Amino acid sequence: MGAGGPRRGAGPPDGGWGWAVLGACFVITGFAYGFPKAVSVFFRALMRDFGAGYSDTAWVSSIMLAMLYGTGPVSSILVTRFGCRPVMLVGGLLASAGMVLASFATRLLELYLTAGVLTGLGLALNFQPSLIMLGLYFERRRPLANGLAAAGSPVFLSALSPLGQQLLEHFGWRGGFLLLGGLLLHCCACGAVMRPPPGPGPRPRGASADDAPGEAEADRAGLRLRESPPGGRTRRRLLDVAVCADRAFGVYAVTKFLMALGLFVPAILLVNYAKDAGVPDADAAFLLSIVGFVDIVARPACGALAGLARLRPHVAYLFSLALMANGLTDLSSARARSYGALVAFCVAFGLSYGMVGALQFEVLMAAVGSHRFPSALGLVLLVEAVAVLIGPPSAGRLVDALKNYEIIFYLAGSEVALAGIFMAVATKCCLRRSKDTPPSQGAQGGASDTEDAEAQEDAEALPAGAEEPGSLQVLEAPSPGAGPGEPKAEAELGVDPESV
């Protein structure tokens, strides 16, 4: 099964065991994005038992999300050093242990350290490796695979929110946390699925026999960087910080920062907003399920749409359109108080939110290429963590001070809409390098950006021994059908002259 499925040259298999990897990524994405929002169901009980305000309690979800994003570079380094599967197994144990220990907490600080830090770290060690493995197994069908994997978030959100409400009513928040900790052990099963894709036979040049399993896996995938000093010997690099000099990465990072300031605020405040408006608790919790149901349809549909030959080159504009639609939804629904108006808001919000979720990582892969994606993802998540630490807690503090949710929706909607406008304008005005790059031979409409980049790198490769000292190079695995005398493509990761 691991080697089955259609293959296209030396690229990812786009099938076979990749479908099992996609299923595991679906579950991991569901836990990573759905769990911090579903925990908000317990906030009122926590506020009552600990005598805290909403802003103090909201730090539980914010710290969990901040750990999910902020530990991105650490996760990138661990994956490159040990491989995806061991990191995910440890992450599943940490996520489960955090919720189990949180059920015994007697202070909010203990909740911050257990449910926030420990569970958030465990989810981070599962989330990023699963996306990396998905990129190794899919290339031609990558937008669809990203959309299907992203659908795990609404599916789990629509299930975890009512489940959390039922656990709260029958077992209290302590029993609910304990049972949710056991549920997170499924992350370990998903990690066991993440075996590396079938690699080519020869060992990459410069790889030694004593490399750790994770390093050998990273070499085969072209994920590990080696720095060539003047003496000719190589020094391992586990994180490619040179990607920060890329203009496309800079535009994406700024967009994600602005987006994260307001994107998660309505979903986190929605249940308590509805309860304060007089909606019964069960109906208020069901609002998140409505968002999830719409999101379930929106993500795979948007992923399939982005994979069309005519639209895939313009995926950045689709992403900016989704951001603007989400921001306008928040702005137009700020005065919604009746249950019908809240349901309409949830439908519109779920549709635009699903589009954003389906496209965000596809845009990053298209911007930096698959070989730089692990490092770029870790750095982007770190930037996003800062915004997550600012956004929801600040919104909660405004709610406590003003006793009014209207300004929160206006503020969150403005931030997300601004992110979409910035993405569209910057893509149009600043990122015009693709017009100066000749298309690779044989590239069809549905071919991926990775093939174009590899073809260009092959054409511009320096002769053997002509590399400049200190240059950064990605080790590309040779094609399975390549002869013994054919050299591998080596992509020099210097700063793009046009980005200076």
Protein backbone atom coordinates (compact mmCIF):
# COMPACT_ATOMS: atom_id res chain seq x y z
CA MET A 1 0.00 0.00 0.00
CA GLY A 2 2.85 2.36 0.78
CA ALA A 3 4.21 2.23 -2.76
CA GLY A 4 0.86 1.96 -4.49
CA GLY A 5 -1.07 4.62 -6.32
CA PRO A 6 -0.22 6.56 -9.44
CA ARG A 7 3.23 8.09 -9.68
CA ARG A 8 4.30 10.87 -12.00
CA GLY A 9 8.00 10.80 -12.67
CA ALA A 10 10.07 11.52 -9.58
CA GLY A 11 7.35 13.53 -7.83
CA PRO A 12 5.17 12.54 -4.87
CA PRO A 13 2.93 9.49 -5.41
CA ASP A 14 -0.35 11.49 -5.25
CA GLY A 15 -2.12 8.42 -3.92
CA GLY A 16 -1.46 5.01 -2.38
CA TRP A 17 -0.50 5.32 1.26
CA GLY A 18 -0.93 9.05 0.86
CA TRP A 19 -4.67 8.62 1.39
CA ALA A 20 -3.99 7.11 4.83
CA VAL A 21 -1.68 10.03 5.57
CA LEU A 22 -4.44 12.39 4.43
CA GLY A 23 -6.90 10.72 6.82
CA ALA A 24 -4.48 11.11 9.73
CA CYS A 25 -3.84 14.75 8.77
CA PHE A 26 -7.61 15.27 8.75
CA VAL A 27 -7.84 14.10 12.37
CA ILE A 28 -4.79 16.09 13.51
CA THR A 29 -6.03 19.28 11.86
CA GLY A 30 -9.41 18.77 13.52
CA PHE A 31 -7.86 18.54 16.96
CA ALA A 32 -5.40 21.39 16.36
CA TYR A 33 -7.97 23.95 15.21
CA GLY A 34 -11.18 22.65 16.75
CA PHE A 35 -9.99 21.84 20.25
CA PRO A 36 -8.98 25.37 21.41
CA LYS A 37 -12.35 26.72 20.26
CA ALA A 38 -14.37 23.86 21.76
CA VAL A 39 -12.76 24.43 25.16
CA SER A 40 -14.59 27.79 25.28
CA VAL A 41 -17.75 25.84 26.19
CA PHE A 42 -16.25 25.33 29.67
CA PHE A 43 -15.41 29.02 30.23
CA ARG A 44 -18.50 29.95 32.24
CA ALA A 45 -17.96 27.06 34.65
CA LEU A 46 -14.31 28.00 35.01
CA MET A 47 -15.20 31.64 35.66
CA ARG A 48 -17.62 30.57 38.37
CA ASP A 49 -15.28 28.13 40.11
CA PHE A 50 -12.18 30.32 39.97
CA GLY A 51 -13.90 33.69 40.39
CA ALA A 52 -12.18 35.06 37.29
CA GLY A 53 -13.25 37.36 34.48
CA TYR A 54 -13.71 36.33 30.88
CA SER A 55 -10.42 37.85 29.75
CA ASP A 56 -8.47 35.81 32.33
CA THR A 57 -10.28 32.61 31.36
CA ALA A 58 -9.84 33.24 27.62
CA TRP A 59 -6.09 32.96 28.14
CA VAL A 60 -6.51 29.16 28.28
CA SER A 61 -7.52 29.03 24.60
CA SER A 62 -5.10 31.79 23.66
CA ILE A 63 -2.10 30.08 25.25
CA MET A 64 -3.11 26.81 23.58
CA LEU A 65 -3.24 28.52 20.19
CA ALA A 66 -0.04 30.45 20.88
CA MET A 67 1.81 27.21 21.67
CA LEU A 68 0.35 25.64 18.54
CA TYR A 69 1.79 28.47 16.44
CA GLY A 70 4.74 29.73 18.48
CA THR A 71 6.59 26.41 18.67
CA GLY A 72 6.66 26.11 14.88
CA PRO A 73 10.46 26.50 14.51
CA VAL A 74 11.04 23.99 17.32
CA SER A 75 8.76 21.53 15.59
CA SER A 76 10.59 22.08 12.28
CA ILE A 77 13.94 21.32 13.89
CA LEU A 78 12.63 18.22 15.68
CA VAL A 79 11.05 16.87 12.51
CA THR A 80 14.25 17.34 10.54
CA ARG A 81 16.30 15.71 13.29
CA PHE A 82 14.08 12.78 14.31
CA GLY A 83 11.43 12.43 11.60
CA CYS A 84 7.68 13.07 11.60
CA ARG A 85 6.47 9.87 13.26
CA PRO A 86 8.45 10.01 16.55
CA VAL A 87 7.67 13.70 17.01
CA MET A 88 3.94 13.10 16.52
CA LEU A 89 3.86 10.16 18.95
CA VAL A 90 5.44 12.28 21.67
CA GLY A 91 3.11 15.16 20.81
CA GLY A 92 0.03 12.99 21.24
CA LEU A 93 1.17 11.92 24.71
CA LEU A 94 1.85 15.52 25.73
CA ALA A 95 -1.53 16.75 24.48
CA SER A 96 -3.36 14.04 26.40
CA ALA A 97 -1.32 14.53 29.58
CA GLY A 98 -2.02 18.27 29.54
CA MET A 99 -5.81 17.85 29.65
CA VAL A 100 -5.64 15.06 32.23
CA LEU A 101 -3.51 17.20 34.54
CA ALA A 102 -5.78 20.20 33.92
CA SER A 103 -8.71 18.27 35.41
CA PHE A 104 -6.92 18.45 38.79
CA ALA A 105 -6.13 22.19 38.60
CA THR A 106 -7.00 24.40 41.58
CA ARG A 107 -5.78 27.72 40.14
CA LEU A 108 -5.95 29.43 36.79
CA LEU A 109 -2.16 29.40 36.59
CA GLU A 110 -2.24 25.61 36.69
CA LEU A 111 -4.75 25.62 33.84
CA TYR A 112 -2.45 27.88 31.84
CA LEU A 113 0.48 25.49 32.29
CA THR A 114 -1.43 22.24 31.65
CA ALA A 115 -4.33 22.83 29.25
CA GLY A 116 -2.57 25.83 27.71
CA VAL A 117 1.16 25.12 27.48
CA LEU A 118 1.35 21.31 27.62
CA THR A 119 -1.68 20.50 25.46
CA GLY A 120 -0.82 23.30 23.03
CA LEU A 121 2.73 21.98 22.66
CA GLY A 122 1.44 18.47 22.05
CA LEU A 123 -0.95 19.69 19.35
CA ALA A 124 1.89 21.66 17.73
CA LEU A 125 4.13 18.59 17.57
CA ASN A 126 1.33 16.83 15.70
CA PHE A 127 0.05 19.59 13.46
CA GLN A 128 3.15 20.75 11.61
CA PRO A 129 4.62 17.28 10.89
CA SER A 130 1.27 16.15 9.48
CA LEU A 131 1.27 19.05 6.99
CA ILE A 132 4.86 18.29 5.99
CA MET A 133 4.01 14.65 5.33
CA LEU A 134 0.95 15.66 3.32
CA GLY A 135 3.16 17.83 1.10
CA LEU A 136 5.53 14.89 0.54
CA TYR A 137 2.73 12.59 -0.62
CA PHE A 138 0.75 15.02 -2.82
CA GLU A 139 1.78 17.43 -5.55
CA ARG A 140 -0.61 17.38 -8.52
CA ARG A 141 -3.60 16.89 -6.18
CA ARG A 142 -2.15 19.08 -3.44
CA PRO A 143 -4.89 21.79 -3.38
CA LEU A 144 -7.57 19.12 -3.05
CA ALA A 145 -5.55 17.27 -0.39
CA ASN A 146 -5.09 20.49 1.58
CA GLY A 147 -8.81 21.22 1.34
CA LEU A 148 -9.78 17.73 2.53
CA ALA A 149 -7.30 17.81 5.40
CA ALA A 150 -8.46 21.29 6.42
CA ALA A 151 -12.03 19.97 6.58
CA GLY A 152 -11.01 18.19 9.77
CA SER A 153 -11.26 21.50 11.61
CA PRO A 154 -15.01 22.08 11.05
CA VAL A 155 -15.86 18.40 11.43
CA PHE A 156 -14.22 18.21 14.84
CA LEU A 157 -15.48 21.64 15.86
CA SER A 158 -19.07 20.64 15.08
CA ALA A 159 -18.60 17.48 17.13
CA LEU A 160 -16.41 18.71 20.00
CA SER A 161 -18.55 21.70 20.93
CA PRO A 162 -21.78 19.73 21.64
CA LEU A 163 -19.70 16.93 23.15
CA GLY A 164 -18.06 19.42 25.51
CA GLN A 165 -21.48 20.77 26.50
CA GLN A 166 -22.73 17.25 27.28
CA LEU A 167 -19.60 16.41 29.26
CA LEU A 168 -19.97 19.67 31.19
CA GLU A 169 -23.58 18.88 32.12
CA HIS A 170 -22.96 15.26 33.15
CA PHE A 171 -19.43 15.28 34.61
CA GLY A 172 -18.57 18.92 35.25
CA TRP A 173 -15.56 20.65 33.74
CA ARG A 174 -13.10 18.39 35.58
CA GLY A 175 -14.61 15.19 34.25
CA GLY A 176 -14.93 16.75 30.82
CA PHE A 177 -11.24 17.67 30.74
CA LEU A 178 -10.29 14.16 31.84
CA LEU A 179 -12.33 12.49 29.09
CA LEU A 180 -11.09 14.93 26.47
CA GLY A 181 -7.53 14.05 27.49
CA GLY A 182 -8.25 10.43 26.70
CA LEU A 183 -9.72 11.47 23.36
CA LEU A 184 -6.47 13.24 22.43
CA LEU A 185 -4.61 9.92 22.55
CA HIS A 186 -5.93 9.35 19.03
CA CYS A 187 -3.13 11.70 17.94
CA CYS A 188 -0.68 8.90 18.71
CA ALA A 189 -2.51 6.56 16.34
CA CYS A 190 -2.36 9.21 13.63
CA GLY A 191 1.36 9.65 14.22
CA ALA A 192 1.93 5.93 13.70
CA VAL A 193 0.53 6.28 10.16
CA MET A 194 3.10 8.88 9.13
CA ARG A 195 5.77 6.75 7.51
CA PRO A 196 8.00 8.46 4.95
CA PRO A 197 7.07 8.10 1.28
CA PRO A 198 8.92 5.60 -0.91
CA GLY A 199 12.31 7.22 -1.45
CA PRO A 200 14.72 6.75 -4.35
CA GLY A 201 17.39 4.17 -3.93
CA PRO A 202 20.73 6.05 -3.88
CA ARG A 203 21.73 8.00 -0.78
CA PRO A 204 21.89 11.77 -1.34
CA ARG A 205 25.37 13.18 -1.78
CA GLY A 206 26.87 14.27 1.49
CA ALA A 207 24.67 11.97 3.62
CA SER A 208 26.62 9.71 5.93
CA ALA A 209 25.79 6.23 7.14
CA ASP A 210 25.48 7.38 10.75
CA ASP A 211 22.68 9.87 10.04
CA ALA A 212 19.73 9.56 12.38
CA PRO A 213 16.54 8.10 10.86
CA GLY A 214 14.86 11.49 10.84
CA GLU A 215 17.83 13.07 9.08
CA ALA A 216 17.87 10.37 6.42
CA GLU A 217 14.16 10.91 5.88
CA ALA A 218 14.70 14.66 5.58
CA ASP A 219 17.52 14.14 3.08
CA ARG A 220 15.35 11.94 0.88
CA ALA A 221 12.58 14.53 0.98
CA GLY A 222 14.94 17.41 0.27
CA LEU A 223 14.04 19.10 3.57
CA ARG A 224 17.43 19.39 5.22
CA LEU A 225 19.91 22.14 4.45
CA ARG A 226 23.68 21.81 4.43
CA GLU A 227 26.04 24.77 4.49
CA SER A 228 29.22 24.48 2.42
CA PRO A 229 32.19 26.23 4.10
CA PRO A 230 35.39 27.02 2.21
CA GLY A 231 37.00 23.72 3.23
CA GLY A 232 34.42 21.76 1.30
CA ARG A 233 32.98 19.93 4.33
CA THR A 234 29.29 20.34 5.05
CA ARG A 235 27.65 21.55 8.22
CA ARG A 236 24.07 20.59 8.98
CA ARG A 237 21.36 23.23 9.09
CA LEU A 238 17.98 22.26 10.45
CA LEU A 239 16.11 25.53 9.86
CA ASP A 240 16.27 27.71 6.72
CA VAL A 241 16.02 31.27 8.03
CA ALA A 242 17.10 32.59 4.62
CA VAL A 243 13.49 32.20 3.50
CA CYS A 244 12.73 35.39 5.46
CA ALA A 245 14.52 37.37 2.71
CA ASP A 246 11.98 36.20 0.14
CA ARG A 247 9.43 38.89 -0.72
CA ALA A 248 6.62 36.39 -1.19
CA PHE A 249 7.26 35.00 2.28
CA GLY A 250 7.31 38.51 3.77
CA VAL A 251 3.96 39.40 2.19
CA TYR A 252 2.43 36.16 3.42
CA ALA A 253 3.79 36.61 6.96
CA VAL A 254 2.37 40.13 7.28
CA THR A 255 -0.98 38.92 5.93
CA LYS A 256 -1.12 36.07 8.43
CA PHE A 257 -0.28 38.40 11.31
CA LEU A 258 -3.12 40.79 10.45
CA MET A 259 -5.46 37.87 9.82
CA ALA A 260 -4.72 36.15 13.14
CA LEU A 261 -5.48 39.32 15.10
CA GLY A 262 -9.18 39.01 14.31
CA LEU A 263 -9.95 35.71 12.58
CA PHE A 264 -10.41 33.59 15.71
CA VAL A 265 -12.11 36.22 17.88
CA PRO A 266 -15.73 35.75 16.66
CA ALA A 267 -15.54 31.96 16.95
CA ILE A 268 -14.17 32.14 20.50
CA LEU A 269 -16.70 34.75 21.67
CA LEU A 270 -19.71 33.39 19.79
CA VAL A 271 -21.07 30.98 22.41
CA ASN A 272 -20.87 33.43 25.31
CA TYR A 273 -22.16 36.24 23.09
CA ALA A 274 -25.26 34.19 22.31
CA LYS A 275 -25.75 33.24 25.97
CA ASP A 276 -25.60 36.89 27.02
CA ALA A 277 -28.22 37.64 24.34
CA GLY A 278 -30.63 35.23 26.04
CA VAL A 279 -30.08 32.18 23.85
CA PRO A 280 -30.34 28.87 25.78
CA ASP A 281 -27.04 27.14 26.49
CA ALA A 282 -27.67 24.16 24.20
CA ASP A 283 -28.74 26.39 21.29
CA ALA A 284 -25.75 28.67 21.86
CA ALA A 285 -23.34 25.72 21.68
CA PHE A 286 -25.07 24.55 18.50
CA LEU A 287 -24.07 27.79 16.76
CA LEU A 288 -20.50 26.56 16.56
CA SER A 289 -21.83 23.36 15.02
CA ILE A 290 -23.56 25.42 12.32
CA VAL A 291 -20.23 27.09 11.55
CA GLY A 292 -18.69 23.63 11.39
CA PHE A 293 -21.35 22.16 9.09
CA VAL A 294 -20.92 24.97 6.54
CA ASP A 295 -17.15 24.82 6.92
CA ILE A 296 -17.17 21.09 6.16
CA VAL A 297 -18.56 21.77 2.70
CA ALA A 298 -16.60 24.95 2.04
CA ARG A 299 -13.08 23.61 2.58
CA PRO A 300 -13.03 20.62 0.19
CA ALA A 301 -15.03 22.59 -2.40
CA CYS A 302 -12.62 25.51 -2.24
CA GLY A 303 -9.63 23.13 -2.39
CA ALA A 304 -11.01 21.50 -5.53
CA LEU A 305 -11.74 24.93 -7.03
CA ALA A 306 -8.19 26.14 -6.32
CA GLY A 307 -6.82 23.05 -8.08
CA LEU A 308 -8.34 23.98 -11.42
CA ALA A 309 -5.78 24.80 -14.10
CA ARG A 310 -7.11 28.32 -14.68
CA LEU A 311 -7.33 29.26 -10.99
CA ARG A 312 -4.30 27.61 -9.42
CA PRO A 313 -1.84 30.30 -10.60
CA HIS A 314 -4.09 32.92 -8.94
CA VAL A 315 -4.56 31.16 -5.60
CA ALA A 316 -3.17 34.19 -3.73
CA TYR A 317 -6.05 36.33 -5.02
CA LEU A 318 -8.57 33.67 -4.00
CA PHE A 319 -7.05 33.75 -0.53
CA SER A 320 -7.32 37.53 -0.30
CA LEU A 321 -10.95 37.36 -1.50
CA ALA A 322 -11.74 34.84 1.25
CA LEU A 323 -10.17 37.12 3.87
CA MET A 324 -12.15 40.15 2.72
CA ALA A 325 -15.38 38.13 2.72
CA ASN A 326 -14.71 36.97 6.29
CA GLY A 327 -13.98 40.49 7.48
CA LEU A 328 -17.10 41.92 5.84
CA THR A 329 -19.18 39.18 7.46
CA ASP A 330 -17.98 40.25 10.91
CA LEU A 331 -18.65 43.92 10.15
CA SER A 332 -22.17 43.36 8.81
CA SER A 333 -23.18 41.06 11.68
CA ALA A 334 -21.93 43.14 14.60
CA ARG A 335 -25.50 44.04 15.65
CA ALA A 336 -26.91 40.50 15.38
CA ARG A 337 -28.83 39.68 18.56
CA SER A 338 -31.71 37.38 17.59
CA TYR A 339 -31.11 33.69 17.14
CA GLY A 340 -32.08 33.86 13.46
CA ALA A 341 -29.57 36.63 12.82
CA LEU A 342 -26.88 34.65 14.65
CA VAL A 343 -27.63 31.59 12.51
CA ALA A 344 -27.28 33.69 9.34
CA PHE A 345 -23.97 35.05 10.62
CA CYS A 346 -22.73 31.51 11.33
CA VAL A 347 -23.56 30.39 7.77
CA ALA A 348 -21.72 33.32 6.16
CA PHE A 349 -18.84 33.10 8.62
CA GLY A 350 -18.45 29.35 8.12
CA LEU A 351 -18.33 29.74 4.34
CA SER A 352 -15.62 32.43 4.34
CA TYR A 353 -13.75 30.83 7.23
CA GLY A 354 -13.64 27.54 5.33
CA MET A 355 -12.22 29.24 2.26
CA VAL A 356 -9.45 30.79 4.36
CA GLY A 357 -8.65 27.45 6.00
CA ALA A 358 -8.51 25.57 2.71
CA LEU A 359 -6.19 28.05 0.97
CA GLN A 360 -3.78 29.31 3.63
CA PHE A 361 -1.16 26.55 3.42
CA GLU A 362 -1.55 26.07 -0.32
CA VAL A 363 -0.63 29.76 -0.75
CA LEU A 364 2.48 29.30 1.39
CA MET A 365 3.57 26.19 -0.53
CA ALA A 366 3.11 28.02 -3.82
CA ALA A 367 5.04 31.03 -2.53
CA VAL A 368 8.18 29.34 -1.18
CA GLY A 369 8.23 25.90 -2.81
CA SER A 370 7.90 22.48 -1.22
CA HIS A 371 11.59 22.18 -0.28
CA ARG A 372 11.46 25.35 1.87
CA PHE A 373 7.96 24.79 3.18
CA PRO A 374 8.89 23.15 6.54
CA SER A 375 11.09 26.06 7.61
CA ALA A 376 8.69 28.66 6.20
CA LEU A 377 5.74 27.06 7.99
CA GLY A 378 7.54 27.09 11.33
CA LEU A 379 8.48 30.76 10.98
CA VAL A 380 5.00 31.79 9.85
CA LEU A 381 3.41 29.99 12.79
CA LEU A 382 5.78 31.86 15.10
CA VAL A 383 4.62 35.18 13.65
CA GLU A 384 1.00 34.10 13.94
CA ALA A 385 1.50 33.13 17.59
CA VAL A 386 2.24 36.75 18.49
CA ALA A 387 -1.04 37.84 16.91
CA VAL A 388 -2.99 35.07 18.64
CA LEU A 389 -1.61 36.16 22.01
CA ILE A 390 -2.77 39.72 21.30
CA GLY A 391 -6.16 39.21 19.62
CA PRO A 392 -8.53 37.06 21.74
CA PRO A 393 -7.29 38.21 25.20
CA SER A 394 -7.57 41.86 24.15
CA ALA A 395 -11.08 41.20 22.87
CA GLY A 396 -12.01 39.54 26.16
CA ARG A 397 -10.66 42.48 28.13
CA LEU A 398 -12.71 44.90 26.01
CA VAL A 399 -15.80 42.78 26.66
CA ASP A 400 -15.17 42.93 30.41
CA ALA A 401 -14.64 46.70 30.30
CA LEU A 402 -17.39 47.75 27.86
CA LYS A 403 -19.94 44.96 28.37
CA ASN A 404 -20.53 45.22 24.63
CA TYR A 405 -19.69 42.73 21.90
CA GLU A 406 -20.46 45.05 18.99
CA ILE A 407 -17.10 46.85 18.96
CA ILE A 408 -15.31 43.48 19.10
CA PHE A 409 -16.93 42.35 15.85
CA TYR A 410 -16.11 45.68 14.21
CA LEU A 411 -12.49 45.46 15.29
CA ALA A 412 -12.01 41.82 14.29
CA GLY A 413 -13.71 42.32 10.93
CA SER A 414 -11.57 45.36 10.12
CA GLU A 415 -8.35 43.46 10.86
CA VAL A 416 -9.27 40.47 8.69
CA ALA A 417 -10.50 42.64 5.82
CA LEU A 418 -7.29 44.68 5.99
CA ALA A 419 -5.28 41.45 5.71
CA GLY A 420 -7.16 40.52 2.54
CA ILE A 421 -6.66 43.95 0.98
CA PHE A 422 -2.95 43.91 1.82
CA MET A 423 -2.52 40.44 0.31
CA ALA A 424 -4.20 41.42 -2.95
CA VAL A 425 -2.38 44.75 -3.34
CA ALA A 426 1.04 43.35 -2.40
CA THR A 427 0.63 40.40 -4.74
CA LYS A 428 -0.34 42.69 -7.59
CA CYS A 429 2.27 45.39 -7.03
CA CYS A 430 5.26 43.66 -5.44
CA LEU A 431 5.31 40.01 -6.50
CA ARG A 432 5.75 40.12 -10.25
CA ARG A 433 8.72 37.76 -10.53
CA SER A 434 6.66 35.05 -12.18
CA LYS A 435 6.23 37.24 -15.27
CA ASP A 436 10.00 37.37 -15.73
CA THR A 437 10.44 33.60 -15.29
CA PRO A 438 10.11 31.55 -18.49
CA PRO A 439 7.76 28.56 -18.10
CA SER A 440 9.38 25.15 -17.88
CA GLN A 441 9.12 22.79 -20.82
CA GLY A 442 6.36 20.30 -20.59
CA ALA A 443 4.53 22.13 -17.81
CA GLN A 444 0.80 21.73 -18.21
CA GLY A 445 -1.97 23.81 -16.75
CA GLY A 446 -2.40 21.54 -13.74
CA ALA A 447 1.30 21.14 -13.01
CA SER A 448 2.53 22.40 -9.68
CA ASP A 449 4.82 25.26 -8.88
CA THR A 450 7.38 22.82 -7.52
CA GLU A 451 7.99 21.32 -10.96
CA ASP A 452 8.50 24.76 -12.48
CA ALA A 453 10.98 25.70 -9.76
CA GLU A 454 12.91 22.43 -10.14
CA ALA A 455 13.11 22.85 -13.91
CA GLN A 456 14.46 26.37 -13.56
CA GLU A 457 16.97 25.22 -10.93
CA ASP A 458 18.17 22.44 -13.25
CA ALA A 459 18.71 24.94 -16.04
CA GLU A 460 20.66 27.33 -13.83
CA ALA A 461 22.63 24.78 -11.82
CA LEU A 462 26.30 25.62 -11.42
CA PRO A 463 28.92 23.13 -12.57
CA ALA A 464 30.39 20.81 -9.98
CA GLY A 465 32.91 22.57 -7.78
CA ALA A 466 31.81 26.04 -8.90
CA GLU A 467 29.69 26.80 -5.82
CA GLU A 468 30.62 29.89 -3.90
CA PRO A 469 31.91 29.24 -0.39
CA GLY A 470 29.28 29.47 2.33
CA SER A 471 26.34 29.03 -0.03
CA LEU A 472 23.23 27.26 1.21
CA GLN A 473 22.05 24.30 -0.82
CA VAL A 474 19.09 21.95 -0.64
CA LEU A 475 19.94 18.31 -1.29
CA GLU A 476 17.51 16.98 -3.88
CA ALA A 477 17.03 13.24 -4.13
CA PRO A 478 17.78 11.81 -7.61
CA SER A 479 15.01 10.56 -9.82
CA PRO A 480 14.36 6.81 -9.50
CA GLY A 481 14.91 6.43 -13.21
CA ALA A 482 18.07 8.50 -13.40
CA GLY A 483 21.26 6.82 -14.51
CA PRO A 484 24.22 6.45 -12.17
CA GLY A 485 26.11 9.20 -13.93
CA GLU A 486 23.37 11.82 -13.87
CA PRO A 487 23.90 14.58 -11.29
CA LYS A 488 21.22 15.66 -8.85
CA ALA A 489 19.65 19.11 -8.97
CA GLU A 490 20.94 21.39 -6.22
CA ALA A 491 19.02 24.58 -5.55
CA GLU A 492 21.05 27.46 -4.25
CA LEU A 493 19.14 29.28 -1.53
CA GLY A 494 20.81 32.67 -1.75
CA VAL A 495 18.85 35.89 -1.44
CA ASP A 496 16.84 36.65 -4.55
CA PRO A 497 18.43 39.71 -6.22
CA GLU A 498 14.99 41.15 -6.92
CA SER A 499 14.00 40.87 -3.25
CA VAL A 500 16.81 43.17 -2.09
